[in-house]
Amino acid sequence: MDHGLLDEAVGELRALVALDGGDIELVSATGGTVALRLILEGAECRECVMPKEFLEQIALDMVSNRLSEISTVTIDDPRE
């Protein structure tokens, strides 16, 4: 797996959630799965950050466009 491409995709996602005061961190990348964690400590409006299901789909699109071997992205969302 090309970690540079993965970091690039995660960076794009971080920029997206930063607009609402959140952040994303990479937890792991094994096999065809990438695990991320949503961080909302700095968010003024936690509910303003996109729902987990939407974030996971957007993240999967961003990652799989760069790394075709990735088929699943999971996000640990503290709102759940």
N, C-alpha and C. Protein backbone atom coordinates (compact mmCIF):
# COMPACT_ATOMS: atom_id res chain seq x y z
N MET A 1 0.84 -1.18 0.00
CA MET A 1 0.00 0.00 0.00
C MET A 1 0.89 1.24 0.00
N ASP A 2 0.53 2.19 -0.82
CA ASP A 2 1.28 3.44 -0.91
C ASP A 2 0.77 4.40 0.18
N HIS A 3 1.54 4.53 1.24
CA HIS A 3 1.09 5.36 2.37
C HIS A 3 1.06 6.84 2.03
N GLY A 4 1.85 7.26 1.05
CA GLY A 4 1.81 8.64 0.60
C GLY A 4 0.46 8.99 0.00
N LEU A 5 -0.08 8.08 -0.81
CA LEU A 5 -1.39 8.30 -1.41
C LEU A 5 -2.49 8.25 -0.35
N LEU A 6 -2.33 7.36 0.62
CA LEU A 6 -3.29 7.27 1.71
C LEU A 6 -3.28 8.56 2.53
N ASP A 7 -2.09 9.05 2.86
CA ASP A 7 -1.98 10.31 3.61
C ASP A 7 -2.61 11.47 2.84
N GLU A 8 -2.45 11.46 1.52
CA GLU A 8 -3.02 12.51 0.68
C GLU A 8 -4.55 12.49 0.77
N ALA A 9 -5.15 11.30 0.69
CA ALA A 9 -6.60 11.17 0.77
C ALA A 9 -7.11 11.57 2.15
N VAL A 10 -6.41 11.14 3.20
CA VAL A 10 -6.81 11.50 4.57
C VAL A 10 -6.69 13.01 4.76
N GLY A 11 -5.67 13.61 4.17
CA GLY A 11 -5.51 15.07 4.24
C GLY A 11 -6.68 15.81 3.62
N GLU A 12 -7.17 15.30 2.50
CA GLU A 12 -8.34 15.92 1.85
C GLU A 12 -9.56 15.82 2.75
N LEU A 13 -9.73 14.66 3.36
CA LEU A 13 -10.86 14.46 4.26
C LEU A 13 -10.74 15.35 5.50
N ARG A 14 -9.52 15.48 6.02
CA ARG A 14 -9.28 16.36 7.18
C ARG A 14 -9.69 17.79 6.84
N ALA A 15 -9.33 18.25 5.65
CA ALA A 15 -9.67 19.61 5.23
C ALA A 15 -11.19 19.78 5.16
N LEU A 16 -11.87 18.74 4.72
CA LEU A 16 -13.33 18.80 4.60
C LEU A 16 -14.00 18.92 5.97
N VAL A 17 -13.60 18.08 6.93
CA VAL A 17 -14.24 18.14 8.25
C VAL A 17 -13.75 19.34 9.06
N ALA A 18 -12.58 19.87 8.73
CA ALA A 18 -12.06 21.05 9.43
C ALA A 18 -12.96 22.26 9.21
N LEU A 19 -13.68 22.28 8.10
CA LEU A 19 -14.61 23.39 7.83
C LEU A 19 -15.67 23.49 8.92
N ASP A 20 -15.98 22.36 9.56
CA ASP A 20 -16.97 22.34 10.64
C ASP A 20 -16.30 22.22 12.01
N GLY A 21 -14.98 22.38 12.08
CA GLY A 21 -14.27 22.36 13.34
C GLY A 21 -13.82 20.99 13.81
N GLY A 22 -13.96 19.97 12.96
CA GLY A 22 -13.55 18.62 13.33
C GLY A 22 -12.20 18.26 12.75
N ASP A 23 -11.78 17.04 13.01
CA ASP A 23 -10.53 16.52 12.46
C ASP A 23 -10.70 15.02 12.27
N ILE A 24 -9.80 14.44 11.50
CA ILE A 24 -9.78 13.00 11.22
C ILE A 24 -8.36 12.52 11.45
N GLU A 25 -8.22 11.34 12.07
CA GLU A 25 -6.90 10.74 12.17
C GLU A 25 -6.95 9.31 11.67
N LEU A 26 -5.85 8.89 11.07
CA LEU A 26 -5.70 7.53 10.58
C LEU A 26 -5.38 6.63 11.76
N VAL A 27 -6.18 5.58 11.94
CA VAL A 27 -5.96 4.62 13.03
C VAL A 27 -5.17 3.44 12.50
N SER A 28 -5.62 2.88 11.36
CA SER A 28 -4.92 1.74 10.78
C SER A 28 -5.31 1.57 9.32
N ALA A 29 -4.47 0.84 8.61
CA ALA A 29 -4.73 0.48 7.22
C ALA A 29 -4.18 -0.92 7.02
N THR A 30 -5.08 -1.88 7.02
CA THR A 30 -4.67 -3.28 6.86
C THR A 30 -5.58 -3.96 5.85
N GLY A 31 -4.96 -4.77 5.00
CA GLY A 31 -5.74 -5.44 3.97
C GLY A 31 -6.45 -4.42 3.12
N GLY A 32 -7.74 -4.57 2.95
CA GLY A 32 -8.52 -3.63 2.14
C GLY A 32 -9.30 -2.65 2.97
N THR A 33 -8.94 -2.51 4.25
CA THR A 33 -9.71 -1.65 5.15
C THR A 33 -8.85 -0.53 5.74
N VAL A 34 -9.42 0.66 5.75
CA VAL A 34 -8.80 1.81 6.40
C VAL A 34 -9.72 2.21 7.55
N ALA A 35 -9.14 2.34 8.74
CA ALA A 35 -9.89 2.77 9.92
C ALA A 35 -9.47 4.18 10.29
N LEU A 36 -10.45 5.05 10.47
CA LEU A 36 -10.22 6.45 10.82
C LEU A 36 -10.95 6.78 12.11
N ARG A 37 -10.54 7.86 12.75
CA ARG A 37 -11.22 8.34 13.95
C ARG A 37 -11.60 9.80 13.73
N LEU A 38 -12.85 10.11 14.00
CA LEU A 38 -13.34 11.49 13.92
C LEU A 38 -13.09 12.16 15.27
N ILE A 39 -12.48 13.33 15.23
CA ILE A 39 -12.16 14.09 16.44
C ILE A 39 -13.01 15.36 16.43
N LEU A 40 -13.78 15.54 17.50
CA LEU A 40 -14.70 16.67 17.55
C LEU A 40 -14.45 17.62 18.72
N GLU A 41 -13.33 17.47 19.43
CA GLU A 41 -13.06 18.32 20.59
C GLU A 41 -13.10 19.80 20.25
N GLY A 42 -12.62 20.21 19.08
CA GLY A 42 -12.57 21.61 18.71
C GLY A 42 -13.80 22.11 17.98
N ALA A 43 -14.74 21.22 17.71
CA ALA A 43 -15.92 21.59 16.93
C ALA A 43 -16.91 22.38 17.78
N GLU A 44 -17.28 23.56 17.30
CA GLU A 44 -18.28 24.36 18.00
C GLU A 44 -19.67 23.75 17.85
N CYS A 45 -19.88 23.06 16.76
CA CYS A 45 -21.19 22.46 16.47
C CYS A 45 -20.95 21.01 16.03
N ARG A 46 -20.98 20.09 16.98
CA ARG A 46 -20.72 18.68 16.67
C ARG A 46 -21.72 18.13 15.66
N GLU A 47 -22.96 18.59 15.73
CA GLU A 47 -23.99 18.10 14.82
C GLU A 47 -23.81 18.66 13.40
N CYS A 48 -23.00 19.71 13.26
CA CYS A 48 -22.76 20.30 11.94
C CYS A 48 -21.82 19.44 11.09
N VAL A 49 -21.01 18.63 11.74
CA VAL A 49 -20.12 17.73 11.01
C VAL A 49 -20.97 16.64 10.37
N MET A 50 -20.66 16.30 9.13
CA MET A 50 -21.44 15.32 8.39
C MET A 50 -21.64 14.03 9.19
N PRO A 51 -22.78 13.39 9.01
CA PRO A 51 -23.03 12.11 9.68
C PRO A 51 -22.00 11.05 9.26
N LYS A 52 -21.78 10.10 10.14
CA LYS A 52 -20.79 9.06 9.94
C LYS A 52 -20.94 8.35 8.58
N GLU A 53 -22.16 7.99 8.21
CA GLU A 53 -22.39 7.24 6.97
C GLU A 53 -21.92 8.03 5.75
N PHE A 54 -22.20 9.34 5.73
CA PHE A 54 -21.75 10.18 4.63
C PHE A 54 -20.23 10.31 4.62
N LEU A 55 -19.66 10.53 5.80
CA LEU A 55 -18.20 10.65 5.89
C LEU A 55 -17.50 9.38 5.43
N GLU A 56 -18.05 8.23 5.83
CA GLU A 56 -17.44 6.97 5.41
C GLU A 56 -17.48 6.80 3.89
N GLN A 57 -18.59 7.18 3.27
CA GLN A 57 -18.69 7.06 1.81
C GLN A 57 -17.74 8.03 1.11
N ILE A 58 -17.68 9.25 1.58
CA ILE A 58 -16.76 10.24 0.99
C ILE A 58 -15.32 9.78 1.17
N ALA A 59 -14.99 9.29 2.37
CA ALA A 59 -13.63 8.81 2.63
C ALA A 59 -13.29 7.63 1.74
N LEU A 60 -14.24 6.70 1.56
CA LEU A 60 -14.00 5.56 0.69
C LEU A 60 -13.73 6.02 -0.73
N ASP A 61 -14.52 6.96 -1.21
CA ASP A 61 -14.30 7.49 -2.56
C ASP A 61 -12.92 8.12 -2.70
N MET A 62 -12.53 8.93 -1.72
CA MET A 62 -11.24 9.61 -1.77
C MET A 62 -10.07 8.62 -1.73
N VAL A 63 -10.20 7.60 -0.88
CA VAL A 63 -9.12 6.64 -0.73
C VAL A 63 -9.07 5.66 -1.90
N SER A 64 -10.22 5.12 -2.28
CA SER A 64 -10.23 4.09 -3.34
C SER A 64 -9.90 4.68 -4.71
N ASN A 65 -10.11 5.97 -4.91
CA ASN A 65 -9.69 6.60 -6.17
C ASN A 65 -8.17 6.59 -6.31
N ARG A 66 -7.46 6.57 -5.18
CA ARG A 66 -5.99 6.55 -5.19
C ARG A 66 -5.44 5.15 -5.00
N LEU A 67 -6.14 4.35 -4.20
CA LEU A 67 -5.67 3.01 -3.84
C LEU A 67 -6.80 2.02 -4.11
N SER A 68 -6.75 1.39 -5.27
CA SER A 68 -7.85 0.51 -5.68
C SER A 68 -8.02 -0.70 -4.78
N GLU A 69 -7.00 -1.05 -4.00
CA GLU A 69 -7.10 -2.22 -3.13
C GLU A 69 -7.95 -1.96 -1.89
N ILE A 70 -8.30 -0.70 -1.63
CA ILE A 70 -9.12 -0.37 -0.46
C ILE A 70 -10.60 -0.51 -0.83
N SER A 71 -11.32 -1.34 -0.06
CA SER A 71 -12.74 -1.56 -0.33
C SER A 71 -13.63 -1.11 0.83
N THR A 72 -13.03 -0.81 1.99
CA THR A 72 -13.81 -0.43 3.15
C THR A 72 -13.10 0.67 3.93
N VAL A 73 -13.88 1.67 4.34
CA VAL A 73 -13.38 2.69 5.26
C VAL A 73 -14.36 2.75 6.43
N THR A 74 -13.82 2.65 7.63
CA THR A 74 -14.65 2.78 8.83
C THR A 74 -14.20 4.03 9.59
N ILE A 75 -15.16 4.68 10.22
CA ILE A 75 -14.86 5.87 11.00
C ILE A 75 -15.43 5.69 12.40
N ASP A 76 -14.56 5.82 13.40
CA ASP A 76 -14.99 5.81 14.79
C ASP A 76 -15.50 7.20 15.10
N ASP A 77 -16.82 7.32 15.32
CA ASP A 77 -17.47 8.61 15.51
C ASP A 77 -17.87 8.75 16.97
N PRO A 78 -17.34 9.75 17.69
CA PRO A 78 -17.66 9.89 19.11
C PRO A 78 -19.12 10.26 19.38
N ARG A 79 -19.87 10.62 18.36
CA ARG A 79 -21.27 10.97 18.56
C ARG A 79 -22.15 9.73 18.72
N GLU A 80 -21.58 8.56 18.46
CA GLU A 80 -22.37 7.32 18.54
C GLU A 80 -22.11 6.60 19.83
